[in-house]
Amino acid sequence: GEYYLHLFSKKQPDLNWDNPAVRNEVY
């Protein structure tokens, strides 16, 4: 029941870089 952000296609949800866990996954 919520919305997710996608600056591009709806099949391209934006990652939340404010979450340190996300940044560590990318690194």
mmCIF file of all heavy atoms, coordinates in Angstrom:
data_MODEL
# 
_entry.id   MODEL 
# 
loop_
_atom_site.group_PDB 
_atom_site.id 
_atom_site.type_symbol 
_atom_site.label_atom_id 
_atom_site.label_alt_id 
_atom_site.label_comp_id 
_atom_site.label_asym_id 
_atom_site.label_entity_id 
_atom_site.label_seq_id 
_atom_site.pdbx_PDB_ins_code 
_atom_site.Cartn_x 
_atom_site.Cartn_y 
_atom_site.Cartn_z 
_atom_site.occupancy 
_atom_site.B_iso_or_equiv 
_atom_site.pdbx_formal_charge 
_atom_site.auth_seq_id 
_atom_site.auth_comp_id 
_atom_site.auth_asym_id 
_atom_site.auth_atom_id 
_atom_site.pdbx_PDB_model_num 
ATOM 1   N N   . GLY A 1 1  ? 0.787  -1.223 0.000   1.00 0.00 ? 1  GLY A N   1 
ATOM 2   C CA  . GLY A 1 1  ? 0.000  0.000  0.000   1.00 0.00 ? 1  GLY A CA  1 
ATOM 3   C C   . GLY A 1 1  ? 0.825  1.282  0.000   1.00 0.00 ? 1  GLY A C   1 
ATOM 4   O O   . GLY A 1 1  ? 0.345  2.323  0.459   1.00 0.00 ? 1  GLY A O   1 
ATOM 5   N N   . GLU A 1 2  ? 2.048  1.215  -0.497  1.00 0.00 ? 2  GLU A N   1 
ATOM 6   C CA  . GLU A 1 2  ? 2.896  2.401  -0.596  1.00 0.00 ? 2  GLU A CA  1 
ATOM 7   C C   . GLU A 1 2  ? 3.468  2.524  -2.006  1.00 0.00 ? 2  GLU A C   1 
ATOM 8   O O   . GLU A 1 2  ? 3.348  1.613  -2.833  1.00 0.00 ? 2  GLU A O   1 
ATOM 9   C CB  . GLU A 1 2  ? 4.032  2.356  0.437   1.00 0.00 ? 2  GLU A CB  1 
ATOM 10  C CG  . GLU A 1 2  ? 3.559  2.564  1.862   1.00 0.00 ? 2  GLU A CG  1 
ATOM 11  C CD  . GLU A 1 2  ? 4.714  2.802  2.813   1.00 0.00 ? 2  GLU A CD  1 
ATOM 12  O OE1 . GLU A 1 2  ? 5.821  2.257  2.583   1.00 0.00 ? 2  GLU A OE1 1 
ATOM 13  O OE2 . GLU A 1 2  ? 4.515  3.517  3.812   1.00 0.00 ? 2  GLU A OE2 1 
ATOM 14  N N   . TYR A 1 3  ? 4.090  3.678  -2.241  1.00 0.00 ? 3  TYR A N   1 
ATOM 15  C CA  . TYR A 1 3  ? 4.718  3.962  -3.530  1.00 0.00 ? 3  TYR A CA  1 
ATOM 16  C C   . TYR A 1 3  ? 6.236  3.830  -3.412  1.00 0.00 ? 3  TYR A C   1 
ATOM 17  O O   . TYR A 1 3  ? 6.821  4.167  -2.378  1.00 0.00 ? 3  TYR A O   1 
ATOM 18  C CB  . TYR A 1 3  ? 4.425  5.396  -3.973  1.00 0.00 ? 3  TYR A CB  1 
ATOM 19  C CG  . TYR A 1 3  ? 2.993  5.702  -4.331  1.00 0.00 ? 3  TYR A CG  1 
ATOM 20  C CD1 . TYR A 1 3  ? 2.041  5.981  -3.344  1.00 0.00 ? 3  TYR A CD1 1 
ATOM 21  C CD2 . TYR A 1 3  ? 2.593  5.756  -5.662  1.00 0.00 ? 3  TYR A CD2 1 
ATOM 22  C CE1 . TYR A 1 3  ? 0.734  6.306  -3.673  1.00 0.00 ? 3  TYR A CE1 1 
ATOM 23  C CE2 . TYR A 1 3  ? 1.278  6.085  -6.008  1.00 0.00 ? 3  TYR A CE2 1 
ATOM 24  C CZ  . TYR A 1 3  ? 0.359  6.355  -5.009  1.00 0.00 ? 3  TYR A CZ  1 
ATOM 25  O OH  . TYR A 1 3  ? -0.923 6.678  -5.349  1.00 0.00 ? 3  TYR A OH  1 
ATOM 26  N N   . TYR A 1 4  ? 6.884  3.379  -4.494  1.00 0.00 ? 4  TYR A N   1 
ATOM 27  C CA  . TYR A 1 4  ? 8.349  3.409  -4.534  1.00 0.00 ? 4  TYR A CA  1 
ATOM 28  C C   . TYR A 1 4  ? 8.808  4.380  -5.621  1.00 0.00 ? 4  TYR A C   1 
ATOM 29  O O   . TYR A 1 4  ? 8.125  4.594  -6.627  1.00 0.00 ? 4  TYR A O   1 
ATOM 30  C CB  . TYR A 1 4  ? 8.947  2.018  -4.757  1.00 0.00 ? 4  TYR A CB  1 
ATOM 31  C CG  . TYR A 1 4  ? 8.614  1.353  -6.081  1.00 0.00 ? 4  TYR A CG  1 
ATOM 32  C CD1 . TYR A 1 4  ? 9.373  1.609  -7.231  1.00 0.00 ? 4  TYR A CD1 1 
ATOM 33  C CD2 . TYR A 1 4  ? 7.556  0.446  -6.185  1.00 0.00 ? 4  TYR A CD2 1 
ATOM 34  C CE1 . TYR A 1 4  ? 9.081  0.999  -8.438  1.00 0.00 ? 4  TYR A CE1 1 
ATOM 35  C CE2 . TYR A 1 4  ? 7.255  -0.172 -7.386  1.00 0.00 ? 4  TYR A CE2 1 
ATOM 36  C CZ  . TYR A 1 4  ? 8.012  0.108  -8.509  1.00 0.00 ? 4  TYR A CZ  1 
ATOM 37  O OH  . TYR A 1 4  ? 7.713  -0.498 -9.701  1.00 0.00 ? 4  TYR A OH  1 
ATOM 38  N N   . LEU A 1 5  ? 9.973  4.972  -5.406  1.00 0.00 ? 5  LEU A N   1 
ATOM 39  C CA  . LEU A 1 5  ? 10.530 5.972  -6.312  1.00 0.00 ? 5  LEU A CA  1 
ATOM 40  C C   . LEU A 1 5  ? 11.292 5.311  -7.451  1.00 0.00 ? 5  LEU A C   1 
ATOM 41  O O   . LEU A 1 5  ? 12.091 4.402  -7.229  1.00 0.00 ? 5  LEU A O   1 
ATOM 42  C CB  . LEU A 1 5  ? 11.471 6.911  -5.552  1.00 0.00 ? 5  LEU A CB  1 
ATOM 43  C CG  . LEU A 1 5  ? 12.127 8.031  -6.382  1.00 0.00 ? 5  LEU A CG  1 
ATOM 44  C CD1 . LEU A 1 5  ? 11.089 9.075  -6.782  1.00 0.00 ? 5  LEU A CD1 1 
ATOM 45  C CD2 . LEU A 1 5  ? 13.271 8.673  -5.589  1.00 0.00 ? 5  LEU A CD2 1 
ATOM 46  N N   . HIS A 1 6  ? 11.049 5.784  -8.664  1.00 0.00 ? 6  HIS A N   1 
ATOM 47  C CA  . HIS A 1 6  ? 11.827 5.335  -9.833  1.00 0.00 ? 6  HIS A CA  1 
ATOM 48  C C   . HIS A 1 6  ? 12.024 6.549  -10.750 1.00 0.00 ? 6  HIS A C   1 
ATOM 49  O O   . HIS A 1 6  ? 11.107 6.989  -11.409 1.00 0.00 ? 6  HIS A O   1 
ATOM 50  C CB  . HIS A 1 6  ? 11.126 4.191  -10.574 1.00 0.00 ? 6  HIS A CB  1 
ATOM 51  C CG  . HIS A 1 6  ? 9.757  4.548  -11.118 1.00 0.00 ? 6  HIS A CG  1 
ATOM 52  N ND1 . HIS A 1 6  ? 9.568  5.059  -12.393 1.00 0.00 ? 6  HIS A ND1 1 
ATOM 53  C CD2 . HIS A 1 6  ? 8.533  4.491  -10.544 1.00 0.00 ? 6  HIS A CD2 1 
ATOM 54  C CE1 . HIS A 1 6  ? 8.274  5.278  -12.587 1.00 0.00 ? 6  HIS A CE1 1 
ATOM 55  N NE2 . HIS A 1 6  ? 7.614  4.954  -11.482 1.00 0.00 ? 6  HIS A NE2 1 
ATOM 56  N N   . LEU A 1 7  ? 13.226 7.101  -10.773 1.00 0.00 ? 7  LEU A N   1 
ATOM 57  C CA  . LEU A 1 7  ? 13.482 8.250  -11.639 1.00 0.00 ? 7  LEU A CA  1 
ATOM 58  C C   . LEU A 1 7  ? 13.373 7.868  -13.110 1.00 0.00 ? 7  LEU A C   1 
ATOM 59  O O   . LEU A 1 7  ? 13.096 8.713  -13.952 1.00 0.00 ? 7  LEU A O   1 
ATOM 60  C CB  . LEU A 1 7  ? 14.869 8.835  -11.360 1.00 0.00 ? 7  LEU A CB  1 
ATOM 61  C CG  . LEU A 1 7  ? 15.084 9.436  -9.971  1.00 0.00 ? 7  LEU A CG  1 
ATOM 62  C CD1 . LEU A 1 7  ? 16.493 9.989  -9.854  1.00 0.00 ? 7  LEU A CD1 1 
ATOM 63  C CD2 . LEU A 1 7  ? 14.047 10.516 -9.669  1.00 0.00 ? 7  LEU A CD2 1 
ATOM 64  N N   . PHE A 1 8  ? 13.556 6.593  -13.400 1.00 0.00 ? 8  PHE A N   1 
ATOM 65  C CA  . PHE A 1 8  ? 13.503 6.130  -14.785 1.00 0.00 ? 8  PHE A CA  1 
ATOM 66  C C   . PHE A 1 8  ? 12.274 5.230  -14.962 1.00 0.00 ? 8  PHE A C   1 
ATOM 67  O O   . PHE A 1 8  ? 11.188 5.609  -14.564 1.00 0.00 ? 8  PHE A O   1 
ATOM 68  C CB  . PHE A 1 8  ? 14.833 5.448  -15.143 1.00 0.00 ? 8  PHE A CB  1 
ATOM 69  C CG  . PHE A 1 8  ? 15.981 6.435  -15.126 1.00 0.00 ? 8  PHE A CG  1 
ATOM 70  C CD1 . PHE A 1 8  ? 16.678 6.692  -13.949 1.00 0.00 ? 8  PHE A CD1 1 
ATOM 71  C CD2 . PHE A 1 8  ? 16.319 7.145  -16.269 1.00 0.00 ? 8  PHE A CD2 1 
ATOM 72  C CE1 . PHE A 1 8  ? 17.706 7.635  -13.925 1.00 0.00 ? 8  PHE A CE1 1 
ATOM 73  C CE2 . PHE A 1 8  ? 17.344 8.088  -16.254 1.00 0.00 ? 8  PHE A CE2 1 
ATOM 74  C CZ  . PHE A 1 8  ? 18.039 8.330  -15.083 1.00 0.00 ? 8  PHE A CZ  1 
ATOM 75  N N   . SER A 1 9  ? 12.410 4.056  -15.510 1.00 0.00 ? 9  SER A N   1 
ATOM 76  C CA  . SER A 1 9  ? 11.272 3.168  -15.721 1.00 0.00 ? 9  SER A CA  1 
ATOM 77  C C   . SER A 1 9  ? 10.718 2.664  -14.385 1.00 0.00 ? 9  SER A C   1 
ATOM 78  O O   . SER A 1 9  ? 11.444 2.576  -13.392 1.00 0.00 ? 9  SER A O   1 
ATOM 79  C CB  . SER A 1 9  ? 11.712 1.992  -16.591 1.00 0.00 ? 9  SER A CB  1 
ATOM 80  O OG  . SER A 1 9  ? 10.881 0.876  -16.422 1.00 0.00 ? 9  SER A OG  1 
ATOM 81  N N   . LYS A 1 10 ? 9.454  2.283  -14.389 1.00 0.00 ? 10 LYS A N   1 
ATOM 82  C CA  . LYS A 1 10 ? 8.862  1.742  -13.169 1.00 0.00 ? 10 LYS A CA  1 
ATOM 83  C C   . LYS A 1 10 ? 9.502  0.410  -12.790 1.00 0.00 ? 10 LYS A C   1 
ATOM 84  O O   . LYS A 1 10 ? 9.323  -0.066 -11.674 1.00 0.00 ? 10 LYS A O   1 
ATOM 85  C CB  . LYS A 1 10 ? 7.348  1.585  -13.331 1.00 0.00 ? 10 LYS A CB  1 
ATOM 86  C CG  . LYS A 1 10 ? 6.915  0.543  -14.355 1.00 0.00 ? 10 LYS A CG  1 
ATOM 87  C CD  . LYS A 1 10 ? 5.390  0.497  -14.479 1.00 0.00 ? 10 LYS A CD  1 
ATOM 88  C CE  . LYS A 1 10 ? 4.947  -0.544 -15.495 1.00 0.00 ? 10 LYS A CE  1 
ATOM 89  N NZ  . LYS A 1 10 ? 3.456  -0.595 -15.634 1.00 0.00 ? 10 LYS A NZ  1 
ATOM 90  N N   . LYS A 1 11 ? 10.239 -0.193 -13.725 1.00 0.00 ? 11 LYS A N   1 
ATOM 91  C CA  . LYS A 1 11 ? 10.969 -1.420 -13.424 1.00 0.00 ? 11 LYS A CA  1 
ATOM 92  C C   . LYS A 1 11 ? 12.410 -1.132 -12.998 1.00 0.00 ? 11 LYS A C   1 
ATOM 93  O O   . LYS A 1 11 ? 13.243 -2.042 -12.942 1.00 0.00 ? 11 LYS A O   1 
ATOM 94  C CB  . LYS A 1 11 ? 10.956 -2.357 -14.639 1.00 0.00 ? 11 LYS A CB  1 
ATOM 95  C CG  . LYS A 1 11 ? 9.583  -2.999 -14.887 1.00 0.00 ? 11 LYS A CG  1 
ATOM 96  C CD  . LYS A 1 11 ? 9.610  -3.992 -16.033 1.00 0.00 ? 11 LYS A CD  1 
ATOM 97  C CE  . LYS A 1 11 ? 10.454 -5.215 -15.758 1.00 0.00 ? 11 LYS A CE  1 
ATOM 98  N NZ  . LYS A 1 11 ? 9.997  -6.042 -14.635 1.00 0.00 ? 11 LYS A NZ  1 
ATOM 99  N N   . GLN A 1 12 ? 12.683 0.149  -12.660 1.00 0.00 ? 12 GLN A N   1 
ATOM 100 C CA  . GLN A 1 12 ? 14.012 0.553  -12.197 1.00 0.00 ? 12 GLN A CA  1 
ATOM 101 C C   . GLN A 1 12 ? 13.905 1.336  -10.881 1.00 0.00 ? 12 GLN A C   1 
ATOM 102 O O   . GLN A 1 12 ? 14.143 2.540  -10.834 1.00 0.00 ? 12 GLN A O   1 
ATOM 103 C CB  . GLN A 1 12 ? 14.712 1.409  -13.258 1.00 0.00 ? 12 GLN A CB  1 
ATOM 104 C CG  . GLN A 1 12 ? 15.057 0.642  -14.536 1.00 0.00 ? 12 GLN A CG  1 
ATOM 105 C CD  . GLN A 1 12 ? 15.518 1.564  -15.648 1.00 0.00 ? 12 GLN A CD  1 
ATOM 106 O OE1 . GLN A 1 12 ? 14.740 2.358  -16.175 1.00 0.00 ? 12 GLN A OE1 1 
ATOM 107 N NE2 . GLN A 1 12 ? 16.784 1.475  -16.017 1.00 0.00 ? 12 GLN A NE2 1 
ATOM 108 N N   . PRO A 1 13 ? 13.538 0.662  -9.793  1.00 0.00 ? 13 PRO A N   1 
ATOM 109 C CA  . PRO A 1 13 ? 13.379 1.371  -8.510  1.00 0.00 ? 13 PRO A CA  1 
ATOM 110 C C   . PRO A 1 13 ? 14.716 1.927  -8.010  1.00 0.00 ? 13 PRO A C   1 
ATOM 111 O O   . PRO A 1 13 ? 15.753 1.261  -8.075  1.00 0.00 ? 13 PRO A O   1 
ATOM 112 C CB  . PRO A 1 13 ? 12.848 0.280  -7.576  1.00 0.00 ? 13 PRO A CB  1 
ATOM 113 C CG  . PRO A 1 13 ? 13.300 -1.009 -8.186  1.00 0.00 ? 13 PRO A CG  1 
ATOM 114 C CD  . PRO A 1 13 ? 13.263 -0.780 -9.667  1.00 0.00 ? 13 PRO A CD  1 
ATOM 115 N N   . ASP A 1 14 ? 14.677 3.160  -7.490  1.00 0.00 ? 14 ASP A N   1 
ATOM 116 C CA  . ASP A 1 14 ? 15.887 3.814  -6.991  1.00 0.00 ? 14 ASP A CA  1 
ATOM 117 C C   . ASP A 1 14 ? 16.325 3.209  -5.663  1.00 0.00 ? 14 ASP A C   1 
ATOM 118 O O   . ASP A 1 14 ? 15.515 3.000  -4.754  1.00 0.00 ? 14 ASP A O   1 
ATOM 119 C CB  . ASP A 1 14 ? 15.640 5.311  -6.789  1.00 0.00 ? 14 ASP A CB  1 
ATOM 120 C CG  . ASP A 1 14 ? 15.754 6.088  -8.079  1.00 0.00 ? 14 ASP A CG  1 
ATOM 121 O OD1 . ASP A 1 14 ? 15.156 5.654  -9.086  1.00 0.00 ? 14 ASP A OD1 1 
ATOM 122 O OD2 . ASP A 1 14 ? 16.450 7.125  -8.098  1.00 0.00 ? 14 ASP A OD2 1 
ATOM 123 N N   . LEU A 1 15 ? 17.631 2.983  -5.544  1.00 0.00 ? 15 LEU A N   1 
ATOM 124 C CA  . LEU A 1 15 ? 18.206 2.539  -4.280  1.00 0.00 ? 15 LEU A CA  1 
ATOM 125 C C   . LEU A 1 15 ? 18.254 3.696  -3.287  1.00 0.00 ? 15 LEU A C   1 
ATOM 126 O O   . LEU A 1 15 ? 18.386 4.861  -3.676  1.00 0.00 ? 15 LEU A O   1 
ATOM 127 C CB  . LEU A 1 15 ? 19.615 2.000  -4.504  1.00 0.00 ? 15 LEU A CB  1 
ATOM 128 C CG  . LEU A 1 15 ? 19.703 0.609  -5.142  1.00 0.00 ? 15 LEU A CG  1 
ATOM 129 C CD1 . LEU A 1 15 ? 21.123 0.337  -5.640  1.00 0.00 ? 15 LEU A CD1 1 
ATOM 130 C CD2 . LEU A 1 15 ? 19.267 -0.481 -4.163  1.00 0.00 ? 15 LEU A CD2 1 
ATOM 131 N N   . ASN A 1 16 ? 18.181 3.368  -2.034  1.00 0.00 ? 16 ASN A N   1 
ATOM 132 C CA  . ASN A 1 16 ? 18.244 4.363  -0.959  1.00 0.00 ? 16 ASN A CA  1 
ATOM 133 C C   . ASN A 1 16 ? 19.685 4.470  -0.455  1.00 0.00 ? 16 ASN A C   1 
ATOM 134 O O   . ASN A 1 16 ? 20.102 3.749  0.453   1.00 0.00 ? 16 ASN A O   1 
ATOM 135 C CB  . ASN A 1 16 ? 17.302 3.956  0.170   1.00 0.00 ? 16 ASN A CB  1 
ATOM 136 C CG  . ASN A 1 16 ? 17.390 4.899  1.358   1.00 0.00 ? 16 ASN A CG  1 
ATOM 137 O OD1 . ASN A 1 16 ? 17.871 6.030  1.233   1.00 0.00 ? 16 ASN A OD1 1 
ATOM 138 N ND2 . ASN A 1 16 ? 16.931 4.442  2.515   1.00 0.00 ? 16 ASN A ND2 1 
ATOM 139 N N   . TRP A 1 17 ? 20.446 5.386  -1.042  1.00 0.00 ? 17 TRP A N   1 
ATOM 140 C CA  . TRP A 1 17 ? 21.857 5.525  -0.689  1.00 0.00 ? 17 TRP A CA  1 
ATOM 141 C C   . TRP A 1 17 ? 22.057 6.092  0.713   1.00 0.00 ? 17 TRP A C   1 
ATOM 142 O O   . TRP A 1 17 ? 23.166 6.039  1.251   1.00 0.00 ? 17 TRP A O   1 
ATOM 143 C CB  . TRP A 1 17 ? 22.570 6.391  -1.732  1.00 0.00 ? 17 TRP A CB  1 
ATOM 144 C CG  . TRP A 1 17 ? 23.085 5.575  -2.876  1.00 0.00 ? 17 TRP A CG  1 
ATOM 145 C CD1 . TRP A 1 17 ? 22.345 4.970  -3.852  1.00 0.00 ? 17 TRP A CD1 1 
ATOM 146 C CD2 . TRP A 1 17 ? 24.450 5.248  -3.140  1.00 0.00 ? 17 TRP A CD2 1 
ATOM 147 N NE1 . TRP A 1 17 ? 23.158 4.290  -4.715  1.00 0.00 ? 17 TRP A NE1 1 
ATOM 148 C CE2 . TRP A 1 17 ? 24.462 4.441  -4.308  1.00 0.00 ? 17 TRP A CE2 1 
ATOM 149 C CE3 . TRP A 1 17 ? 25.654 5.549  -2.516  1.00 0.00 ? 17 TRP A CE3 1 
ATOM 150 C CZ2 . TRP A 1 17 ? 25.646 3.939  -4.848  1.00 0.00 ? 17 TRP A CZ2 1 
ATOM 151 C CZ3 . TRP A 1 17 ? 26.829 5.058  -3.070  1.00 0.00 ? 17 TRP A CZ3 1 
ATOM 152 C CH2 . TRP A 1 17 ? 26.821 4.260  -4.218  1.00 0.00 ? 17 TRP A CH2 1 
ATOM 153 N N   . ASP A 1 18 ? 21.016 6.630  1.331   1.00 0.00 ? 18 ASP A N   1 
ATOM 154 C CA  . ASP A 1 18 ? 21.150 7.090  2.715   1.00 0.00 ? 18 ASP A CA  1 
ATOM 155 C C   . ASP A 1 18 ? 21.280 5.921  3.691   1.00 0.00 ? 18 ASP A C   1 
ATOM 156 O O   . ASP A 1 18 ? 21.661 6.118  4.841   1.00 0.00 ? 18 ASP A O   1 
ATOM 157 C CB  . ASP A 1 18 ? 19.942 7.955  3.101   1.00 0.00 ? 18 ASP A CB  1 
ATOM 158 C CG  . ASP A 1 18 ? 19.916 9.277  2.346   1.00 0.00 ? 18 ASP A CG  1 
ATOM 159 O OD1 . ASP A 1 18 ? 20.975 9.689  1.829   1.00 0.00 ? 18 ASP A OD1 1 
ATOM 160 O OD2 . ASP A 1 18 ? 18.832 9.899  2.279   1.00 0.00 ? 18 ASP A OD2 1 
ATOM 161 N N   . ASN A 1 19 ? 20.979 4.723  3.211   1.00 0.00 ? 19 ASN A N   1 
ATOM 162 C CA  . ASN A 1 19 ? 21.094 3.510  4.029   1.00 0.00 ? 19 ASN A CA  1 
ATOM 163 C C   . ASN A 1 19 ? 22.524 2.963  3.897   1.00 0.00 ? 19 ASN A C   1 
ATOM 164 O O   . ASN A 1 19 ? 22.921 2.539  2.807   1.00 0.00 ? 19 ASN A O   1 
ATOM 165 C CB  . ASN A 1 19 ? 20.073 2.472  3.546   1.00 0.00 ? 19 ASN A CB  1 
ATOM 166 C CG  . ASN A 1 19 ? 20.082 1.209  4.375   1.00 0.00 ? 19 ASN A CG  1 
ATOM 167 O OD1 . ASN A 1 19 ? 20.994 0.964  5.159   1.00 0.00 ? 19 ASN A OD1 1 
ATOM 168 N ND2 . ASN A 1 19 ? 19.052 0.380  4.180   1.00 0.00 ? 19 ASN A ND2 1 
ATOM 169 N N   . PRO A 1 20 ? 23.318 2.951  4.962   1.00 0.00 ? 20 PRO A N   1 
ATOM 170 C CA  . PRO A 1 20 ? 24.704 2.461  4.877   1.00 0.00 ? 20 PRO A CA  1 
ATOM 171 C C   . PRO A 1 20 ? 24.800 1.029  4.352   1.00 0.00 ? 20 PRO A C   1 
ATOM 172 O O   . PRO A 1 20 ? 25.784 0.673  3.703   1.00 0.00 ? 20 PRO A O   1 
ATOM 173 C CB  . PRO A 1 20 ? 25.221 2.553  6.312   1.00 0.00 ? 20 PRO A CB  1 
ATOM 174 C CG  . PRO A 1 20 ? 24.285 3.458  7.025   1.00 0.00 ? 20 PRO A CG  1 
ATOM 175 C CD  . PRO A 1 20 ? 22.970 3.378  6.324   1.00 0.00 ? 20 PRO A CD  1 
ATOM 176 N N   . ALA A 1 21 ? 23.797 0.213  4.626   1.00 0.00 ? 21 ALA A N   1 
ATOM 177 C CA  . ALA A 1 21 ? 23.820 -1.175 4.154   1.00 0.00 ? 21 ALA A CA  1 
ATOM 178 C C   . ALA A 1 21 ? 23.811 -1.225 2.631   1.00 0.00 ? 21 ALA A C   1 
ATOM 179 O O   . ALA A 1 21 ? 24.475 -2.082 2.021   1.00 0.00 ? 21 ALA A O   1 
ATOM 180 C CB  . ALA A 1 21 ? 22.625 -1.940 4.719   1.00 0.00 ? 21 ALA A CB  1 
ATOM 181 N N   . VAL A 1 22 ? 23.061 -0.319 2.008   1.00 0.00 ? 22 VAL A N   1 
ATOM 182 C CA  . VAL A 1 22 ? 23.030 -0.253 0.544   1.00 0.00 ? 22 VAL A CA  1 
ATOM 183 C C   . VAL A 1 22 ? 24.406 0.112  0.006   1.00 0.00 ? 22 VAL A C   1 
ATOM 184 O O   . VAL A 1 22 ? 24.930 -0.509 -0.929  1.00 0.00 ? 22 VAL A O   1 
ATOM 185 C CB  . VAL A 1 22 ? 21.979 0.770  0.069   1.00 0.00 ? 22 VAL A CB  1 
ATOM 186 C CG1 . VAL A 1 22 ? 22.142 1.062  -1.428  1.00 0.00 ? 22 VAL A CG1 1 
ATOM 187 C CG2 . VAL A 1 22 ? 20.573 0.266  0.366   1.00 0.00 ? 22 VAL A CG2 1 
ATOM 188 N N   . ARG A 1 23 ? 25.009 1.137  0.605   1.00 0.00 ? 23 ARG A N   1 
ATOM 189 C CA  . ARG A 1 23 ? 26.319 1.581  0.122   1.00 0.00 ? 23 ARG A CA  1 
ATOM 190 C C   . ARG A 1 23 ? 27.343 0.456  0.260   1.00 0.00 ? 23 ARG A C   1 
ATOM 191 O O   . ARG A 1 23 ? 28.159 0.224  -0.649  1.00 0.00 ? 23 ARG A O   1 
ATOM 192 C CB  . ARG A 1 23 ? 26.767 2.828  0.879   1.00 0.00 ? 23 ARG A CB  1 
ATOM 193 C CG  . ARG A 1 23 ? 25.766 3.983  0.768   1.00 0.00 ? 23 ARG A CG  1 
ATOM 194 C CD  . ARG A 1 23 ? 26.387 5.319  1.073   1.00 0.00 ? 23 ARG A CD  1 
ATOM 195 N NE  . ARG A 1 23 ? 26.938 5.441  2.404   1.00 0.00 ? 23 ARG A NE  1 
ATOM 196 C CZ  . ARG A 1 23 ? 26.236 5.758  3.497   1.00 0.00 ? 23 ARG A CZ  1 
ATOM 197 N NH1 . ARG A 1 23 ? 24.924 5.962  3.404   1.00 0.00 ? 23 ARG A NH1 1 
ATOM 198 N NH2 . ARG A 1 23 ? 26.826 5.877  4.675   1.00 0.00 ? 23 ARG A NH2 1 
ATOM 199 N N   . ASN A 1 24 ? 27.305 -0.260 1.365   1.00 0.00 ? 24 ASN A N   1 
ATOM 200 C CA  . ASN A 1 24 ? 28.260 -1.356 1.564   1.00 0.00 ? 24 ASN A CA  1 
ATOM 201 C C   . ASN A 1 24 ? 28.043 -2.495 0.574   1.00 0.00 ? 24 ASN A C   1 
ATOM 202 O O   . ASN A 1 24 ? 29.006 -3.117 0.109   1.00 0.00 ? 24 ASN A O   1 
ATOM 203 C CB  . ASN A 1 24 ? 28.181 -1.871 2.997   1.00 0.00 ? 24 ASN A CB  1 
ATOM 204 C CG  . ASN A 1 24 ? 28.763 -0.890 4.002   1.00 0.00 ? 24 ASN A CG  1 
ATOM 205 O OD1 . ASN A 1 24 ? 29.673 -0.133 3.677   1.00 0.00 ? 24 ASN A OD1 1 
ATOM 206 N ND2 . ASN A 1 24 ? 28.234 -0.897 5.222   1.00 0.00 ? 24 ASN A ND2 1 
ATOM 207 N N   . GLU A 1 25 ? 26.780 -2.753 0.238   1.00 0.00 ? 25 GLU A N   1 
ATOM 208 C CA  . GLU A 1 25 ? 26.492 -3.770 -0.780  1.00 0.00 ? 25 GLU A CA  1 
ATOM 209 C C   . GLU A 1 25 ? 27.116 -3.360 -2.120  1.00 0.00 ? 25 GLU A C   1 
ATOM 210 O O   . GLU A 1 25 ? 27.731 -4.178 -2.825  1.00 0.00 ? 25 GLU A O   1 
ATOM 211 C CB  . GLU A 1 25 ? 24.975 -3.938 -0.958  1.00 0.00 ? 25 GLU A CB  1 
ATOM 212 C CG  . GLU A 1 25 ? 24.253 -4.515 0.239   1.00 0.00 ? 25 GLU A CG  1 
ATOM 213 C CD  . GLU A 1 25 ? 24.089 -6.025 0.161   1.00 0.00 ? 25 GLU A CD  1 
ATOM 214 O OE1 . GLU A 1 25 ? 24.863 -6.679 -0.573  1.00 0.00 ? 25 GLU A OE1 1 
ATOM 215 O OE2 . GLU A 1 25 ? 23.176 -6.543 0.843   1.00 0.00 ? 25 GLU A OE2 1 
ATOM 216 N N   . VAL A 1 26 ? 26.951 -2.087 -2.475  1.00 0.00 ? 26 VAL A N   1 
ATOM 217 C CA  . VAL A 1 26 ? 27.502 -1.595 -3.745  1.00 0.00 ? 26 VAL A CA  1 
ATOM 218 C C   . VAL A 1 26 ? 29.021 -1.672 -3.730  1.00 0.00 ? 26 VAL A C   1 
ATOM 219 O O   . VAL A 1 26 ? 29.651 -2.122 -4.698  1.00 0.00 ? 26 VAL A O   1 
ATOM 220 C CB  . VAL A 1 26 ? 27.022 -0.165 -4.024  1.00 0.00 ? 26 VAL A CB  1 
ATOM 221 C CG1 . VAL A 1 26 ? 27.745 0.423  -5.240  1.00 0.00 ? 26 VAL A CG1 1 
ATOM 222 C CG2 . VAL A 1 26 ? 25.510 -0.137 -4.262  1.00 0.00 ? 26 VAL A CG2 1 
ATOM 223 N N   . TYR A 1 27 ? 29.634 -1.246 -2.628  1.00 0.00 ? 27 TYR A N   1 
ATOM 224 C CA  . TYR A 1 27 ? 31.095 -1.261 -2.553  1.00 0.00 ? 27 TYR A CA  1 
ATOM 225 C C   . TYR A 1 27 ? 31.638 -2.691 -2.639  1.00 0.00 ? 27 TYR A C   1 
ATOM 226 O O   . TYR A 1 27 ? 32.657 -2.939 -3.302  1.00 0.00 ? 27 TYR A O   1 
ATOM 227 C CB  . TYR A 1 27 ? 31.580 -0.598 -1.264  1.00 0.00 ? 27 TYR A CB  1 
ATOM 228 C CG  . TYR A 1 27 ? 31.117 0.833  -1.071  1.00 0.00 ? 27 TYR A CG  1 
ATOM 229 C CD1 . TYR A 1 27 ? 31.047 1.396  0.203   1.00 0.00 ? 27 TYR A CD1 1 
ATOM 230 C CD2 . TYR A 1 27 ? 30.733 1.620  -2.151  1.00 0.00 ? 27 TYR A CD2 1 
ATOM 231 C CE1 . TYR A 1 27 ? 30.621 2.704  0.396   1.00 0.00 ? 27 TYR A CE1 1 
ATOM 232 C CE2 . TYR A 1 27 ? 30.298 2.930  -1.978  1.00 0.00 ? 27 TYR A CE2 1 
ATOM 233 C CZ  . TYR A 1 27 ? 30.234 3.460  -0.692  1.00 0.00 ? 27 TYR A CZ  1 
ATOM 234 O OH  . TYR A 1 27 ? 29.803 4.753  -0.512  1.00 0.00 ? 27 TYR A OH  1 
# 
